[in-house]
Amino acid sequence: MQEHLKERYPAITAVRSAVLWYKGCSKVTPDYHVQFLETNPWIHQPFEEWDTVRPHNLGAWIKRGLQNARIKFHKISP
């Protein structure tokens, strides 16, 4: 990625990366991170709905997600 940015934007003299969580299994080492996680834990994001989905409402959850994706795609498309 850094090479791509340097080629596309030659005025850039330095590129740094920053992440909230840096896992031990990560393929790329960020320049800055808030927390290093030696293992590969699931990181729960407060905006994720997945943790509250139960088998009896999975179908409705998937349907709602597909409908939202269509709406977003439609709004973005010209």
PDB file of N, CA and C in Angstrom:
ATOM      1  N   MET A   1       0.821  -1.181   0.000  1.00  0.00           N
ATOM      2  CA  MET A   1       0.000   0.000   0.000  1.00  0.00           C
ATOM      3  C   MET A   1       0.870   1.253   0.000  1.00  0.00           C
ATOM      4  N   GLN A   2       1.928   1.223   0.781  1.00  0.00           N
ATOM      5  CA  GLN A   2       2.784   2.408   0.861  1.00  0.00           C
ATOM      6  C   GLN A   2       3.397   2.728  -0.503  1.00  0.00           C
ATOM      7  N   GLU A   3       3.827   1.704  -1.225  1.00  0.00           N
ATOM      8  CA  GLU A   3       4.406   1.937  -2.552  1.00  0.00           C
ATOM      9  C   GLU A   3       3.366   2.525  -3.505  1.00  0.00           C
ATOM     10  N   HIS A   4       2.151   2.027  -3.431  1.00  0.00           N
ATOM     11  CA  HIS A   4       1.075   2.539  -4.275  1.00  0.00           C
ATOM     12  C   HIS A   4       0.858   4.035  -4.012  1.00  0.00           C
ATOM     13  N   LEU A   5       0.801   4.412  -2.735  1.00  0.00           N
ATOM     14  CA  LEU A   5       0.591   5.820  -2.395  1.00  0.00           C
ATOM     15  C   LEU A   5       1.762   6.686  -2.849  1.00  0.00           C
ATOM     16  N   LYS A   6       2.983   6.197  -2.671  1.00  0.00           N
ATOM     17  CA  LYS A   6       4.160   6.974  -3.086  1.00  0.00           C
ATOM     18  C   LYS A   6       4.189   7.171  -4.593  1.00  0.00           C
ATOM     19  N   GLU A   7       3.789   6.140  -5.351  1.00  0.00           N
ATOM     20  CA  GLU A   7       3.762   6.255  -6.815  1.00  0.00           C
ATOM     21  C   GLU A   7       2.644   7.186  -7.275  1.00  0.00           C
ATOM     22  N   ARG A   8       1.499   7.078  -6.643  1.00  0.00           N
ATOM     23  CA  ARG A   8       0.342   7.861  -7.067  1.00  0.00           C
ATOM     24  C   ARG A   8       0.411   9.316  -6.589  1.00  0.00           C
ATOM     25  N   TYR A   9       1.014   9.526  -5.430  1.00  0.00           N
ATOM     26  CA  TYR A   9       1.114  10.865  -4.844  1.00  0.00           C
ATOM     27  C   TYR A   9       2.575  11.143  -4.476  1.00  0.00           C
ATOM     28  N   PRO A  10       3.392  11.501  -5.444  1.00  0.00           N
ATOM     29  CA  PRO A  10       4.823  11.676  -5.197  1.00  0.00           C
ATOM     30  C   PRO A  10       5.160  12.751  -4.159  1.00  0.00           C
ATOM     31  N   ALA A  11       4.247  13.656  -3.882  1.00  0.00           N
ATOM     32  CA  ALA A  11       4.520  14.696  -2.886  1.00  0.00           C
ATOM     33  C   ALA A  11       4.550  14.120  -1.472  1.00  0.00           C
ATOM     34  N   ILE A  12       3.973  12.937  -1.298  1.00  0.00           N
ATOM     35  CA  ILE A  12       3.978  12.296   0.022  1.00  0.00           C
ATOM     36  C   ILE A  12       5.382  11.788   0.321  1.00  0.00           C
ATOM     37  N   THR A  13       5.908  12.194   1.435  1.00  0.00           N
ATOM     38  CA  THR A  13       7.268  11.774   1.789  1.00  0.00           C
ATOM     39  C   THR A  13       7.291  10.678   2.847  1.00  0.00           C
ATOM     40  N   ALA A  14       6.183  10.491   3.557  1.00  0.00           N
ATOM     41  CA  ALA A  14       6.127   9.444   4.573  1.00  0.00           C
ATOM     42  C   ALA A  14       4.697   8.947   4.726  1.00  0.00           C
ATOM     43  N   VAL A  15       4.568   7.657   4.981  1.00  0.00           N
ATOM     44  CA  VAL A  15       3.254   7.044   5.203  1.00  0.00           C
ATOM     45  C   VAL A  15       3.335   6.244   6.488  1.00  0.00           C
ATOM     46  N   ARG A  16       2.380   6.450   7.372  1.00  0.00           N
ATOM     47  CA  ARG A  16       2.332   5.731   8.640  1.00  0.00           C
ATOM     48  C   ARG A  16       0.951   5.099   8.776  1.00  0.00           C
ATOM     49  N   SER A  17       0.894   4.015   9.510  1.00  0.00           N
ATOM     50  CA  SER A  17      -0.386   3.352   9.749  1.00  0.00           C
ATOM     51  C   SER A  17      -0.665   3.322  11.243  1.00  0.00           C
ATOM     52  N   ALA A  18      -1.953   3.377  11.576  1.00  0.00           N
ATOM     53  CA  ALA A  18      -2.370   3.342  12.978  1.00  0.00           C
ATOM     54  C   ALA A  18      -3.626   2.491  13.096  1.00  0.00           C
ATOM     55  N   VAL A  19      -3.675   1.678  14.130  1.00  0.00           N
ATOM     56  CA  VAL A  19      -4.824   0.812  14.383  1.00  0.00           C
ATOM     57  C   VAL A  19      -5.149   0.827  15.870  1.00  0.00           C
ATOM     58  N   LEU A  20      -6.369   0.471  16.188  1.00  0.00           N
ATOM     59  CA  LEU A  20      -6.729   0.355  17.603  1.00  0.00           C
ATOM     60  C   LEU A  20      -6.145  -0.916  18.196  1.00  0.00           C
ATOM     61  N   TRP A  21      -6.348  -2.046  17.485  1.00  0.00           N
ATOM     62  CA  TRP A  21      -5.870  -3.326  17.997  1.00  0.00           C
ATOM     63  C   TRP A  21      -4.918  -3.961  17.002  1.00  0.00           C
ATOM     64  N   TYR A  22      -3.806  -4.421  17.493  1.00  0.00           N
ATOM     65  CA  TYR A  22      -2.802  -5.111  16.689  1.00  0.00           C
ATOM     66  C   TYR A  22      -2.672  -6.518  17.247  1.00  0.00           C
ATOM     67  N   LYS A  23      -3.069  -7.511  16.449  1.00  0.00           N
ATOM     68  CA  LYS A  23      -3.076  -8.899  16.907  1.00  0.00           C
ATOM     69  C   LYS A  23      -1.752  -9.586  16.556  1.00  0.00           C
ATOM     70  N   GLY A  24      -1.403 -10.571  17.361  1.00  0.00           N
ATOM     71  CA  GLY A  24      -0.186 -11.334  17.125  1.00  0.00           C
ATOM     72  C   GLY A  24      -0.188 -12.049  15.784  1.00  0.00           C
ATOM     73  N   CYS A  25      -1.356 -12.347  15.238  1.00  0.00           N
ATOM     74  CA  CYS A  25      -1.458 -13.051  13.955  1.00  0.00           C
ATOM     75  C   CYS A  25      -1.491 -12.092  12.762  1.00  0.00           C
ATOM     76  N   SER A  26      -1.403 -10.799  13.002  1.00  0.00           N
ATOM     77  CA  SER A  26      -1.491  -9.814  11.922  1.00  0.00           C
ATOM     78  C   SER A  26      -0.365  -9.997  10.916  1.00  0.00           C
ATOM     79  N   LYS A  27      -0.688  -9.836   9.643  1.00  0.00           N
ATOM     80  CA  LYS A  27       0.302  -9.969   8.562  1.00  0.00           C
ATOM     81  C   LYS A  27       1.114  -8.688   8.387  1.00  0.00           C
ATOM     82  N   VAL A  28       0.524  -7.572   8.775  1.00  0.00           N
ATOM     83  CA  VAL A  28       1.169  -6.267   8.620  1.00  0.00           C
ATOM     84  C   VAL A  28       1.386  -5.667  10.001  1.00  0.00           C
ATOM     85  N   THR A  29       2.535  -5.076  10.202  1.00  0.00           N
ATOM     86  CA  THR A  29       2.829  -4.429  11.478  1.00  0.00           C
ATOM     87  C   THR A  29       2.543  -2.932  11.350  1.00  0.00           C
ATOM     88  N   PRO A  30       1.605  -2.422  12.130  1.00  0.00           N
ATOM     89  CA  PRO A  30       1.305  -0.992  12.053  1.00  0.00           C
ATOM     90  C   PRO A  30       2.396  -0.163  12.731  1.00  0.00           C
ATOM     91  N   ASP A  31       2.491   1.074  12.342  1.00  0.00           N
ATOM     92  CA  ASP A  31       3.455   1.976  12.980  1.00  0.00           C
ATOM     93  C   ASP A  31       3.010   2.339  14.395  1.00  0.00           C
ATOM     94  N   TYR A  32       1.709   2.455  14.575  1.00  0.00           N
ATOM     95  CA  TYR A  32       1.168   2.823  15.882  1.00  0.00           C
ATOM     96  C   TYR A  32      -0.028   1.936  16.191  1.00  0.00           C
ATOM     97  N   HIS A  33      -0.195   1.588  17.444  1.00  0.00           N
ATOM     98  CA  HIS A  33      -1.367   0.829  17.871  1.00  0.00           C
ATOM     99  C   HIS A  33      -1.689   1.175  19.320  1.00  0.00           C
ATOM    100  N   VAL A  34      -2.961   1.018  19.675  1.00  0.00           N
ATOM    101  CA  VAL A  34      -3.401   1.308  21.031  1.00  0.00           C
ATOM    102  C   VAL A  34      -3.154   0.106  21.926  1.00  0.00           C
ATOM    103  N   GLN A  35      -3.483  -1.091  21.408  1.00  0.00           N
ATOM    104  CA  GLN A  35      -3.359  -2.285  22.239  1.00  0.00           C
ATOM    105  C   GLN A  35      -2.845  -3.448  21.398  1.00  0.00           C
ATOM    106  N   PHE A  36      -1.845  -4.168  21.912  1.00  0.00           N
ATOM    107  CA  PHE A  36      -1.337  -5.375  21.260  1.00  0.00           C
ATOM    108  C   PHE A  36      -2.004  -6.586  21.894  1.00  0.00           C
ATOM    109  N   LEU A  37      -2.539  -7.459  21.057  1.00  0.00           N
ATOM    110  CA  LEU A  37      -3.207  -8.674  21.519  1.00  0.00           C
ATOM    111  C   LEU A  37      -2.390  -9.866  21.035  1.00  0.00           C
ATOM    112  N   GLU A  38      -1.732 -10.573  21.952  1.00  0.00           N
ATOM    113  CA  GLU A  38      -0.853 -11.681  21.569  1.00  0.00           C
ATOM    114  C   GLU A  38      -1.603 -12.794  20.857  1.00  0.00           C
ATOM    115  N   THR A  39      -2.831 -13.052  21.274  1.00  0.00           N
ATOM    116  CA  THR A  39      -3.616 -14.105  20.645  1.00  0.00           C
ATOM    117  C   THR A  39      -4.500 -13.500  19.571  1.00  0.00           C
ATOM    118  N   ASN A  40      -5.461 -14.277  19.089  1.00  0.00           N
ATOM    119  CA  ASN A  40      -6.348 -13.811  18.031  1.00  0.00           C
ATOM    120  C   ASN A  40      -7.784 -13.750  18.551  1.00  0.00           C
ATOM    121  N   PRO A  41      -8.072 -12.920  19.548  1.00  0.00           N
ATOM    122  CA  PRO A  41      -9.423 -12.893  20.112  1.00  0.00           C
ATOM    123  C   PRO A  41     -10.415 -12.208  19.184  1.00  0.00           C
ATOM    124  N   TRP A  42     -11.674 -12.589  19.345  1.00  0.00           N
ATOM    125  CA  TRP A  42     -12.737 -11.887  18.632  1.00  0.00           C
ATOM    126  C   TRP A  42     -12.906 -10.530  19.305  1.00  0.00           C
ATOM    127  N   ILE A  43     -12.865  -9.482  18.544  1.00  0.00           N
ATOM    128  CA  ILE A  43     -13.019  -8.139  19.092  1.00  0.00           C
ATOM    129  C   ILE A  43     -14.462  -7.708  18.870  1.00  0.00           C
ATOM    130  N   HIS A  44     -15.182  -7.565  19.957  1.00  0.00           N
ATOM    131  CA  HIS A  44     -16.584  -7.164  19.869  1.00  0.00           C
ATOM    132  C   HIS A  44     -16.677  -5.658  19.663  1.00  0.00           C
ATOM    133  N   GLN A  45     -17.332  -5.270  18.575  1.00  0.00           N
ATOM    134  CA  GLN A  45     -17.561  -3.863  18.292  1.00  0.00           C
ATOM    135  C   GLN A  45     -18.951  -3.497  18.813  1.00  0.00           C
ATOM    136  N   PRO A  46     -19.111  -2.373  19.467  1.00  0.00           N
ATOM    137  CA  PRO A  46     -20.409  -2.025  20.052  1.00  0.00           C
ATOM    138  C   PRO A  46     -21.532  -1.861  19.025  1.00  0.00           C
ATOM    139  N   PHE A  47     -21.191  -1.652  17.765  1.00  0.00           N
ATOM    140  CA  PHE A  47     -22.214  -1.472  16.738  1.00  0.00           C
ATOM    141  C   PHE A  47     -22.610  -2.785  16.071  1.00  0.00           C
ATOM    142  N   GLU A  48     -21.984  -3.895  16.427  1.00  0.00           N
ATOM    143  CA  GLU A  48     -22.299  -5.186  15.826  1.00  0.00           C
ATOM    144  C   GLU A  48     -23.583  -5.767  16.402  1.00  0.00           C
ATOM    145  N   GLU A  49     -24.423  -6.278  15.537  1.00  0.00           N
ATOM    146  CA  GLU A  49     -25.661  -6.912  15.963  1.00  0.00           C
ATOM    147  C   GLU A  49     -25.490  -8.417  16.124  1.00  0.00           C
ATOM    148  N   TRP A  50     -24.444  -8.970  15.554  1.00  0.00           N
ATOM    149  CA  TRP A  50     -24.284 -10.420  15.482  1.00  0.00           C
ATOM    150  C   TRP A  50     -24.413 -11.104  16.837  1.00  0.00           C
ATOM    151  N   ASP A  51     -23.894 -10.523  17.880  1.00  0.00           N
ATOM    152  CA  ASP A  51     -23.918 -11.158  19.192  1.00  0.00           C
ATOM    153  C   ASP A  51     -25.330 -11.325  19.749  1.00  0.00           C
ATOM    154  N   THR A  52     -26.271 -10.545  19.261  1.00  0.00           N
ATOM    155  CA  THR A  52     -27.635 -10.631  19.776  1.00  0.00           C
ATOM    156  C   THR A  52     -28.536 -11.508  18.907  1.00  0.00           C
ATOM    157  N   VAL A  53     -28.025 -11.987  17.778  1.00  0.00           N
ATOM    158  CA  VAL A  53     -28.842 -12.802  16.873  1.00  0.00           C
ATOM    159  C   VAL A  53     -28.976 -14.218  17.432  1.00  0.00           C
ATOM    160  N   ARG A  54     -30.193 -14.713  17.445  1.00  0.00           N
ATOM    161  CA  ARG A  54     -30.488 -16.069  17.906  1.00  0.00           C
ATOM    162  C   ARG A  54     -31.036 -16.878  16.737  1.00  0.00           C
ATOM    163  N   PRO A  55     -30.928 -18.205  16.785  1.00  0.00           N
ATOM    164  CA  PRO A  55     -31.365 -19.034  15.653  1.00  0.00           C
ATOM    165  C   PRO A  55     -32.781 -18.734  15.167  1.00  0.00           C
ATOM    166  N   HIS A  56     -33.710 -18.451  16.070  1.00  0.00           N
ATOM    167  CA  HIS A  56     -35.096 -18.232  15.663  1.00  0.00           C
ATOM    168  C   HIS A  56     -35.308 -16.913  14.902  1.00  0.00           C
ATOM    169  N   ASN A  57     -34.368 -15.949  15.007  1.00  0.00           N
ATOM    170  CA  ASN A  57     -34.540 -14.702  14.259  1.00  0.00           C
ATOM    171  C   ASN A  57     -33.427 -14.465  13.242  1.00  0.00           C
ATOM    172  N   LEU A  58     -32.663 -15.491  12.918  1.00  0.00           N
ATOM    173  CA  LEU A  58     -31.568 -15.357  11.958  1.00  0.00           C
ATOM    174  C   LEU A  58     -32.083 -15.012  10.558  1.00  0.00           C
ATOM    175  N   GLY A  59     -33.161 -15.649  10.132  1.00  0.00           N
ATOM    176  CA  GLY A  59     -33.717 -15.377   8.807  1.00  0.00           C
ATOM    177  C   GLY A  59     -34.116 -13.924   8.636  1.00  0.00           C
ATOM    178  N   ALA A  60     -34.794 -13.368   9.624  1.00  0.00           N
ATOM    179  CA  ALA A  60     -35.210 -11.964   9.565  1.00  0.00           C
ATOM    180  C   ALA A  60     -34.000 -11.040   9.575  1.00  0.00           C
ATOM    181  N   TRP A  61     -32.981 -11.401  10.344  1.00  0.00           N
ATOM    182  CA  TRP A  61     -31.766 -10.584  10.431  1.00  0.00           C
ATOM    183  C   TRP A  61     -31.061 -10.538   9.079  1.00  0.00           C
ATOM    184  N   ILE A  62     -30.966 -11.694   8.415  1.00  0.00           N
ATOM    185  CA  ILE A  62     -30.320 -11.753   7.092  1.00  0.00           C
ATOM    186  C   ILE A  62     -31.135 -10.960   6.082  1.00  0.00           C
ATOM    187  N   LYS A  63     -32.460 -11.136   6.097  1.00  0.00           N
ATOM    188  CA  LYS A  63     -33.329 -10.418   5.162  1.00  0.00           C
ATOM    189  C   LYS A  63     -33.181  -8.911   5.335  1.00  0.00           C
ATOM    190  N   ARG A  64     -33.159  -8.442   6.585  1.00  0.00           N
ATOM    191  CA  ARG A  64     -33.004  -7.001   6.852  1.00  0.00           C
ATOM    192  C   ARG A  64     -31.657  -6.512   6.336  1.00  0.00           C
ATOM    193  N   GLY A  65     -30.612  -7.296   6.536  1.00  0.00           N
ATOM    194  CA  GLY A  65     -29.284  -6.916   6.047  1.00  0.00           C
ATOM    195  C   GLY A  65     -29.240  -6.818   4.536  1.00  0.00           C
ATOM    196  N   LEU A  66     -29.881  -7.756   3.855  1.00  0.00           N
ATOM    197  CA  LEU A  66     -29.920  -7.714   2.390  1.00  0.00           C
ATOM    198  C   LEU A  66     -30.703  -6.509   1.900  1.00  0.00           C
ATOM    199  N   GLN A  67     -31.809  -6.199   2.554  1.00  0.00           N
ATOM    200  CA  GLN A  67     -32.611  -5.034   2.174  1.00  0.00           C
ATOM    201  C   GLN A  67     -31.810  -3.752   2.392  1.00  0.00           C
ATOM    202  N   ASN A  68     -31.103  -3.652   3.502  1.00  0.00           N
ATOM    203  CA  ASN A  68     -30.283  -2.467   3.776  1.00  0.00           C
ATOM    204  C   ASN A  68     -29.170  -2.344   2.755  1.00  0.00           C
ATOM    205  N   ALA A  69     -28.576  -3.462   2.360  1.00  0.00           N
ATOM    206  CA  ALA A  69     -27.507  -3.423   1.363  1.00  0.00           C
ATOM    207  C   ALA A  69     -28.051  -2.923   0.024  1.00  0.00           C
ATOM    208  N   ARG A  70     -29.258  -3.363  -0.349  1.00  0.00           N
ATOM    209  CA  ARG A  70     -29.860  -2.905  -1.603  1.00  0.00           C
ATOM    210  C   ARG A  70     -30.154  -1.413  -1.553  1.00  0.00           C
ATOM    211  N   ILE A  71     -30.645  -0.942  -0.434  1.00  0.00           N
ATOM    212  CA  ILE A  71     -30.958   0.483  -0.280  1.00  0.00           C
ATOM    213  C   ILE A  71     -29.677   1.300  -0.392  1.00  0.00           C
ATOM    214  N   LYS A  72     -28.623   0.887   0.311  1.00  0.00           N
ATOM    215  CA  LYS A  72     -27.354   1.618   0.250  1.00  0.00           C
ATOM    216  C   LYS A  72     -26.792   1.591  -1.154  1.00  0.00           C
ATOM    217  N   PHE A  73     -26.854   0.423  -1.826  1.00  0.00           N
ATOM    218  CA  PHE A  73     -26.336   0.321  -3.179  1.00  0.00           C
ATOM    219  C   PHE A  73     -27.119   1.219  -4.115  1.00  0.00           C
ATOM    220  N   HIS A  74     -28.428   1.233  -3.951  1.00  0.00           N
ATOM    221  CA  HIS A  74     -29.271   2.053  -4.807  1.00  0.00           C
ATOM    222  C   HIS A  74     -28.966   3.534  -4.612  1.00  0.00           C
ATOM    223  N   LYS A  75     -28.730   3.963  -3.391  1.00  0.00           N
ATOM    224  CA  LYS A  75     -28.440   5.363  -3.110  1.00  0.00           C
ATOM    225  C   LYS A  75     -27.097   5.779  -3.680  1.00  0.00           C
ATOM    226  N   ILE A  76     -26.135   4.857  -3.704  1.00  0.00           N
ATOM    227  CA  ILE A  76     -24.795   5.170  -4.188  1.00  0.00           C
ATOM    228  C   ILE A  76     -24.755   5.183  -5.716  1.00  0.00           C
ATOM    229  N   SER A  77     -25.520   4.287  -6.330  1.00  0.00           N
ATOM    230  CA  SER A  77     -25.506   4.167  -7.791  1.00  0.00           C
ATOM    231  C   SER A  77     -26.090   5.414  -8.442  1.00  0.00           C
ATOM    232  N   PRO A  78     -25.544   5.788  -9.596  1.00  0.00           N
ATOM    233  CA  PRO A  78     -26.092   6.953 -10.310  1.00  0.00           C
ATOM    234  C   PRO A  78     -27.439   6.665 -10.921  1.00  0.00           C
TER     235      PRO A  78
END
